[in-house]
Protein backbone atom coordinates (compact mmCIF):
# COMPACT_ATOMS: atom_id res chain seq x y z
CA MET A 1 -40.43 25.11 83.16
CA VAL A 2 -39.70 28.00 85.76
CA SER A 3 -37.61 25.76 87.77
CA LEU A 4 -35.45 24.61 84.84
CA PRO A 5 -32.17 26.15 84.31
CA TYR A 6 -31.94 28.65 81.17
CA HIS A 7 -28.73 29.41 79.37
CA TYR A 8 -28.51 33.24 78.17
CA ALA A 9 -26.35 35.55 76.11
CA LEU A 10 -27.11 39.06 75.79
CA TYR A 11 -25.26 42.19 73.79
CA PHE A 12 -26.33 45.49 73.62
CA ASP A 13 -25.29 48.89 72.48
CA PHE A 14 -26.70 52.33 72.99
CA ASP A 15 -25.77 55.39 71.44
CA LYS A 16 -28.80 57.71 70.73
CA THR A 17 -30.59 54.43 69.77
CA LEU A 18 -30.74 50.83 71.21
CA LYS A 19 -29.63 47.94 69.41
CA TYR A 20 -29.47 44.32 71.12
CA HIS A 21 -29.16 40.77 70.76
CA LEU A 22 -30.62 38.31 73.54
CA ALA A 23 -30.72 34.56 73.12
CA VAL A 24 -32.25 32.34 75.68
CA SER A 25 -32.20 28.42 75.61
CA VAL A 26 -33.34 25.51 77.66
CA LEU A 27 -33.23 21.95 76.69
CA PHE A 28 -33.66 21.82 72.89
CA LEU A 29 -35.67 24.98 72.66
CA ARG A 30 -33.83 28.33 71.59
CA LEU A 31 -35.32 31.81 71.73
CA ILE A 32 -33.43 34.89 69.95
CA PHE A 33 -34.66 38.30 70.21
CA GLN A 34 -33.00 40.70 67.83
CA ALA A 35 -33.72 44.65 67.43
CA ASP A 36 -32.05 47.95 66.05
CA SER A 37 -33.41 51.37 65.33
CA GLU A 38 -35.21 49.74 62.07
CA ASN A 39 -35.96 46.23 62.61
CA LYS A 40 -37.44 43.89 65.29
CA LEU A 41 -36.80 40.20 64.71
CA PHE A 42 -37.93 36.99 67.04
CA PHE A 43 -36.61 33.53 65.96
CA ILE A 44 -37.71 30.37 67.65
CA LYS A 45 -35.01 27.35 67.14
CA ILE A 46 -35.88 23.80 67.83
CA PHE A 47 -32.76 21.32 67.19
CA ASN A 48 -31.75 22.52 63.45
CA LEU A 49 -35.48 23.99 62.69
CA LYS A 50 -35.45 27.78 62.78
CA LYS A 51 -38.63 30.06 62.31
CA GLU A 52 -38.26 33.78 61.92
CA PHE A 53 -40.85 36.37 63.05
CA LYS A 54 -40.89 40.02 61.84
CA ALA A 55 -42.82 42.84 63.20
CA ALA A 56 -45.13 43.51 60.22
CA GLU A 57 -46.09 47.00 59.12
CA ASN A 58 -49.58 45.94 58.56
CA ASN A 59 -50.30 44.45 61.99
CA LYS A 60 -52.81 45.15 64.28
CA VAL A 61 -50.43 46.97 66.71
CA SER A 62 -48.94 49.04 64.01
CA ASN A 63 -52.16 50.23 62.62
CA PHE A 64 -53.50 51.23 66.15
CA ILE A 65 -50.15 53.09 67.11
CA GLU A 66 -50.36 54.91 63.71
CA ASN A 67 -54.30 56.03 63.97
CA LYS A 68 -53.86 57.00 67.53
CA SER A 69 -50.66 59.21 66.51
CA LYS A 70 -52.97 60.62 63.63
CA LYS A 71 -55.69 61.70 66.09
CA ILE A 72 -52.95 63.14 68.82
CA ILE A 73 -51.71 65.17 66.06
CA GLU A 74 -54.98 66.14 64.59
CA LYS A 75 -56.05 67.38 68.21
CA LYS A 76 -52.59 69.13 68.96
CA PHE A 77 -53.15 71.09 65.61
CA LYS A 78 -56.66 72.16 66.66
CA ASN A 79 -55.63 73.25 69.98
CA LYS A 80 -52.82 75.50 68.55
CA THR A 81 -55.84 77.47 66.83
CA ASP A 82 -57.70 77.34 69.83
CA PRO A 83 -55.80 79.07 72.63
CA ALA A 84 -58.51 78.19 75.33
CA ALA A 85 -58.21 74.65 74.52
CA GLU A 86 -54.61 74.70 74.58
CA LYS A 87 -54.37 76.24 78.16
CA LYS A 88 -56.91 73.52 79.31
CA GLU A 89 -54.77 70.76 77.99
CA GLU A 90 -51.74 72.09 79.62
CA LYS A 91 -53.49 72.43 82.94
CA SER A 92 -55.03 68.99 82.72
CA LYS A 93 -51.35 67.74 82.17
CA LYS A 94 -49.74 69.23 85.00
CA LYS A 95 -52.62 67.67 87.27
CA SER A 96 -51.95 63.95 85.79
CA LYS A 97 -47.95 64.42 85.74
CA PHE A 98 -46.30 61.90 87.71
CA LYS A 99 -44.29 63.51 90.73
CA PHE A 100 -41.22 62.12 92.04
CA ASP A 101 -40.22 62.97 95.57
CA PHE A 102 -36.46 63.41 95.33
CA LYS A 103 -36.12 63.02 99.16
CA LEU A 104 -36.37 59.30 98.39
CA ILE A 105 -33.02 59.51 96.81
CA ASN A 106 -30.86 58.97 100.01
CA ARG A 107 -28.32 56.57 101.04
CA LYS A 108 -30.68 54.12 102.96
CA ASN A 109 -32.86 53.83 100.04
CA LEU A 110 -29.93 53.54 97.60
CA ASN A 111 -28.42 51.02 99.72
CA HIS A 112 -31.51 48.81 99.73
CA ILE A 113 -31.83 48.86 95.86
CA PHE A 114 -27.86 48.13 95.50
CA GLU A 115 -28.34 44.90 97.97
CA PHE A 116 -31.16 43.60 96.02
CA ILE A 117 -28.80 44.31 92.53
CA VAL A 118 -26.20 42.38 94.12
CA LYS A 119 -28.43 39.40 95.21
CA MET A 120 -29.75 39.57 91.44
CA ILE A 121 -26.18 39.41 89.91
CA LYS A 122 -25.36 36.26 92.25
CA ILE A 123 -28.57 34.76 91.18
CA LEU A 124 -28.14 35.17 87.58
CA LYS A 125 -24.55 33.36 87.62
CA LEU A 126 -22.90 35.35 85.25
CA ASP A 127 -20.05 33.67 83.30
CA TYR A 128 -19.01 36.68 81.91
CA LEU A 129 -19.94 40.49 82.12
CA LYS A 130 -18.75 43.28 79.62
CA LEU A 131 -19.65 46.72 80.11
CA ASN A 132 -18.13 49.93 78.53
CA LEU A 133 -20.39 52.95 79.91
CA ILE A 134 -19.74 56.79 79.44
CA PHE A 135 -22.34 59.04 81.04
CA SER A 136 -23.11 62.12 83.02
CA LEU A 137 -26.00 63.38 84.86
CA ASP A 138 -27.43 66.93 85.43
CA ASP A 139 -26.36 67.08 89.04
CA PRO A 140 -22.41 66.03 89.89
CA TYR A 141 -23.44 64.82 93.12
CA TYR A 142 -25.49 61.71 91.68
CA ASN A 143 -22.48 61.49 89.28
CA GLY A 144 -20.15 60.79 92.45
CA LEU A 145 -22.48 58.63 94.10
CA PHE A 146 -23.28 56.48 91.36
CA MET A 147 -19.34 56.08 90.80
CA ALA A 148 -18.87 55.35 94.33
CA TYR A 149 -21.54 51.87 93.93
CA TYR A 150 -19.69 51.52 90.91
CA TYR A 151 -16.30 50.94 92.59
CA THR A 152 -18.02 49.05 95.47
CA PHE A 153 -19.65 46.70 92.71
CA LYS A 154 -16.35 46.16 91.29
CA GLY A 155 -14.81 45.27 94.30
CA LEU A 156 -17.70 42.46 95.21
CA PHE A 157 -17.33 40.89 91.75
CA ASN A 158 -14.32 39.83 89.71
CA TYR A 159 -15.32 41.27 86.22
CA PRO A 160 -12.21 42.92 84.81
CA ASP A 161 -13.79 44.12 81.63
CA LEU A 162 -16.21 46.65 83.44
CA LYS A 163 -15.31 50.31 81.98
CA VAL A 164 -17.11 53.28 83.38
CA GLU A 165 -16.26 56.90 82.64
CA ILE A 166 -17.96 60.28 83.45
CA ASN A 167 -18.16 62.91 80.68
CA TRP A 168 -18.22 66.12 82.84
CA GLN A 169 -18.55 68.50 79.82
CA GLU A 170 -22.11 67.25 78.68
CA VAL A 171 -25.15 65.21 79.75
CA VAL A 172 -24.32 62.04 77.95
CA PHE A 173 -25.35 58.39 77.92
CA GLU A 174 -23.41 55.59 75.89
CA ALA A 175 -22.95 51.92 76.52
CA GLU A 176 -21.88 48.94 75.27
CA GLY A 177 -21.76 45.40 76.69
CA SER A 178 -22.59 41.89 77.00
CA ALA A 179 -23.40 39.04 79.38
CA GLY A 180 -23.80 35.55 79.52
CA GLY A 181 -24.53 32.84 82.09
CA LYS A 182 -27.46 30.51 83.49
CA ILE A 183 -30.45 31.58 85.34
CA ILE A 184 -33.46 29.64 87.06
CA PRO A 185 -36.62 31.80 86.53
CA LEU A 186 -38.24 30.64 89.87
CA GLU A 187 -35.30 31.95 91.84
CA ILE A 188 -35.40 35.27 90.12
CA ILE A 189 -39.32 35.54 90.66
CA LEU A 190 -39.00 34.75 94.27
CA GLN A 191 -36.25 37.38 94.80
CA ILE A 192 -38.15 40.23 93.04
CA LEU A 193 -41.22 39.38 95.18
CA LYS A 194 -39.15 39.20 98.25
CA PHE A 195 -37.71 42.79 97.33
CA ILE A 196 -41.16 44.39 96.53
CA PHE A 197 -42.68 43.10 99.78
CA SER A 198 -39.87 44.03 102.38
CA LEU A 199 -40.63 46.39 104.79
CA LYS A 200 -38.18 49.13 103.15
CA SER A 201 -39.51 48.78 99.75
CA LEU A 202 -43.09 49.20 100.91
CA LYS A 203 -42.19 52.04 102.93
CA ILE A 204 -40.53 53.55 99.63
CA PHE A 205 -43.60 52.99 97.77
CA TRP A 206 -45.97 54.22 100.18
CA GLN A 207 -43.86 57.63 100.45
CA LEU A 208 -43.99 57.63 96.30
CA TYR A 209 -47.83 57.23 96.58
CA GLN A 210 -48.18 59.96 99.29
CA SER A 211 -46.20 62.41 97.08
CA ASN A 212 -48.30 61.81 93.95
CA SER A 213 -51.56 61.67 95.76
CA LYS A 214 -51.40 65.29 96.93
CA LYS A 215 -53.57 67.78 95.10
CA GLY A 216 -52.22 70.99 93.51
């Protein structure tokens, strides 16, 4: 099945919450994933037969999350009344917190990731790509860097419906887009494995591991 061509169509909208609709079809089988802030639906369609699955409120996963949340809330409340326990928890969090080495954000590494994205776009064989993005990051340098890659991307691919704007007044992220085309999962898997085990990627992973293995 991984060597067969799959046709897909994706629509998404993000404005504080994510809403999306993804349809994937192969031969006579069609899978549809649909979600918004309130509902998550999954459809299986075979010829004219359609079966709907909805995330039930009383399923095991929901119950587990709910029970886990209650325990966390109770623990937080208890720690609020116990300063020593609260201080101990904060110290523990600091030790276990994931650290990202911002030295890894450089042109060499970004070029490596950008080349991978371009290859993936070519493999995805997009028939169309529409995107309307308004965003802004804390650091203006990264805004400028992102826009430089954006214009390079537009120069490589002929997708006229790509619109990206920076909001210089506040940190924001709003996006709406759609894409459709044909994919062969085997090609994607091979390309991802090739990227992960390339010397440049392994070097990045190693530097990231070293930055997080340091104590203190």
